[in-house]
Amino acid sequence: MKLAAAPSLVDIYSKIGLLSWLQALGVIELIFLTLFLLPRTMKLGFLLLTGYFGGAMAVELSHGSVFIAPGIILSVAWIAAYLRDASIFKSAGKQKTLVTSL
């Protein structure tokens, strides 16, 4: 929708002063999503998506808008990340390491 400049998004982004960044943000979102979907870069994509949608929530809160949409997308990303690889949510100190004796 951002790449197509949907009228509803144009209104929202013009109110918050980010209309000139609309398509760039759409491209960035697609890049982060692609990184998240690829198995080798899933963790990096997850981190970038979390920052992106966390920032989207912060911008919406600072402008008095409802932050439900980015919050839902962020929740879905976290659930998907957990289902794909639950180990990314474990503390580094609690992860078991395999020690081999030579």
Protein backbone atom coordinates (compact mmCIF):
# COMPACT_ATOMS: atom_id res chain seq x y z
CA MET A 1 0.00 0.00 0.00
CA LYS A 2 2.88 2.35 0.68
CA LEU A 3 4.45 1.74 -2.71
CA ALA A 4 1.11 2.33 -4.43
CA ALA A 5 0.52 5.49 -2.33
CA ALA A 6 -2.93 4.45 -1.14
CA PRO A 7 -5.08 7.53 -0.37
CA SER A 8 -5.63 6.50 3.26
CA LEU A 9 -1.87 6.26 3.84
CA VAL A 10 -1.24 9.53 2.00
CA ASP A 11 -3.60 11.28 4.44
CA ILE A 12 -1.94 9.73 7.48
CA TYR A 13 1.63 10.36 6.33
CA SER A 14 0.87 13.95 5.33
CA LYS A 15 -0.53 14.62 8.82
CA ILE A 16 2.62 13.34 10.50
CA GLY A 17 4.96 15.00 8.01
CA LEU A 18 6.40 11.86 6.43
CA LEU A 19 4.68 11.93 3.05
CA SER A 20 7.95 12.39 1.16
CA TRP A 21 9.25 9.20 2.81
CA LEU A 22 6.18 7.05 2.08
CA GLN A 23 7.59 4.97 -0.77
CA ALA A 24 11.06 4.72 0.78
CA LEU A 25 9.52 3.34 3.97
CA GLY A 26 7.57 0.84 1.88
CA VAL A 27 10.77 -0.38 0.21
CA ILE A 28 12.55 -0.62 3.56
CA GLU A 29 9.64 -2.59 5.00
CA LEU A 30 9.81 -5.07 2.10
CA ILE A 31 13.58 -5.48 2.52
CA PHE A 32 13.22 -6.17 6.24
CA LEU A 33 10.39 -8.63 5.56
CA THR A 34 12.50 -10.44 2.96
CA LEU A 35 15.38 -10.72 5.44
CA PHE A 36 12.95 -12.12 8.01
CA LEU A 37 11.55 -14.72 5.61
CA LEU A 38 14.93 -16.05 4.51
CA PRO A 39 16.21 -18.70 6.96
CA ARG A 40 19.84 -17.48 7.00
CA THR A 41 18.89 -13.86 7.80
CA MET A 42 15.80 -14.46 9.93
CA LYS A 43 17.33 -13.14 13.14
CA LEU A 44 18.58 -9.95 11.50
CA GLY A 45 15.22 -9.45 9.79
CA PHE A 46 13.43 -9.99 13.09
CA LEU A 47 15.58 -7.39 14.80
CA LEU A 48 15.06 -4.87 12.00
CA LEU A 49 11.29 -5.47 11.84
CA THR A 50 11.05 -5.02 15.60
CA GLY A 51 12.87 -1.70 15.40
CA TYR A 52 10.86 -0.56 12.38
CA PHE A 53 7.43 -1.27 13.82
CA GLY A 54 8.46 -0.16 17.30
CA GLY A 55 9.45 3.15 15.73
CA ALA A 56 6.15 3.26 13.85
CA MET A 57 4.31 2.85 17.14
CA ALA A 58 6.38 5.63 18.71
CA VAL A 59 5.67 8.02 15.83
CA GLU A 60 1.96 7.30 15.98
CA LEU A 61 1.89 7.79 19.74
CA SER A 62 3.78 11.07 19.49
CA HIS A 63 1.24 12.41 16.98
CA GLY A 64 -1.83 11.28 18.92
CA SER A 65 -2.74 8.53 16.47
CA VAL A 66 -3.82 5.00 17.25
CA PHE A 67 -0.86 2.62 17.27
CA ILE A 68 -2.92 -0.56 16.87
CA ALA A 69 -1.92 -1.40 13.27
CA PRO A 70 1.87 -1.45 13.81
CA GLY A 71 1.31 -3.15 17.17
CA ILE A 72 -0.61 -5.99 15.55
CA ILE A 73 2.00 -6.41 12.82
CA LEU A 74 4.76 -6.42 15.44
CA SER A 75 2.90 -9.02 17.50
CA VAL A 76 2.50 -11.25 14.45
CA ALA A 77 6.23 -10.90 13.69
CA TRP A 78 7.12 -11.91 17.26
CA ILE A 79 4.78 -14.91 17.19
CA ALA A 80 6.14 -16.01 13.81
CA ALA A 81 9.72 -15.63 15.04
CA TYR A 82 8.95 -17.71 18.13
CA LEU A 83 7.32 -20.44 16.05
CA ARG A 84 10.25 -20.52 13.62
CA ASP A 85 13.08 -20.45 16.18
CA ALA A 86 12.21 -20.22 19.88
CA SER A 87 15.91 -20.10 20.82
CA ILE A 88 16.17 -16.42 19.88
CA PHE A 89 14.10 -15.58 22.95
CA LYS A 90 16.29 -17.48 25.41
CA SER A 91 18.82 -15.73 27.55
CA ALA A 92 22.42 -16.26 26.50
CA GLY A 93 23.25 -17.50 29.98
CA LYS A 94 20.54 -20.16 29.94
CA GLN A 95 21.36 -21.68 26.56
CA LYS A 96 23.01 -25.08 26.78
CA THR A 97 26.32 -25.43 25.03
CA LEU A 98 27.65 -28.63 23.68
CA VAL A 99 31.12 -29.34 24.99
CA THR A 100 33.10 -31.99 23.25
CA SER A 101 36.09 -33.64 24.80
CA LEU A 102 39.08 -34.37 22.67
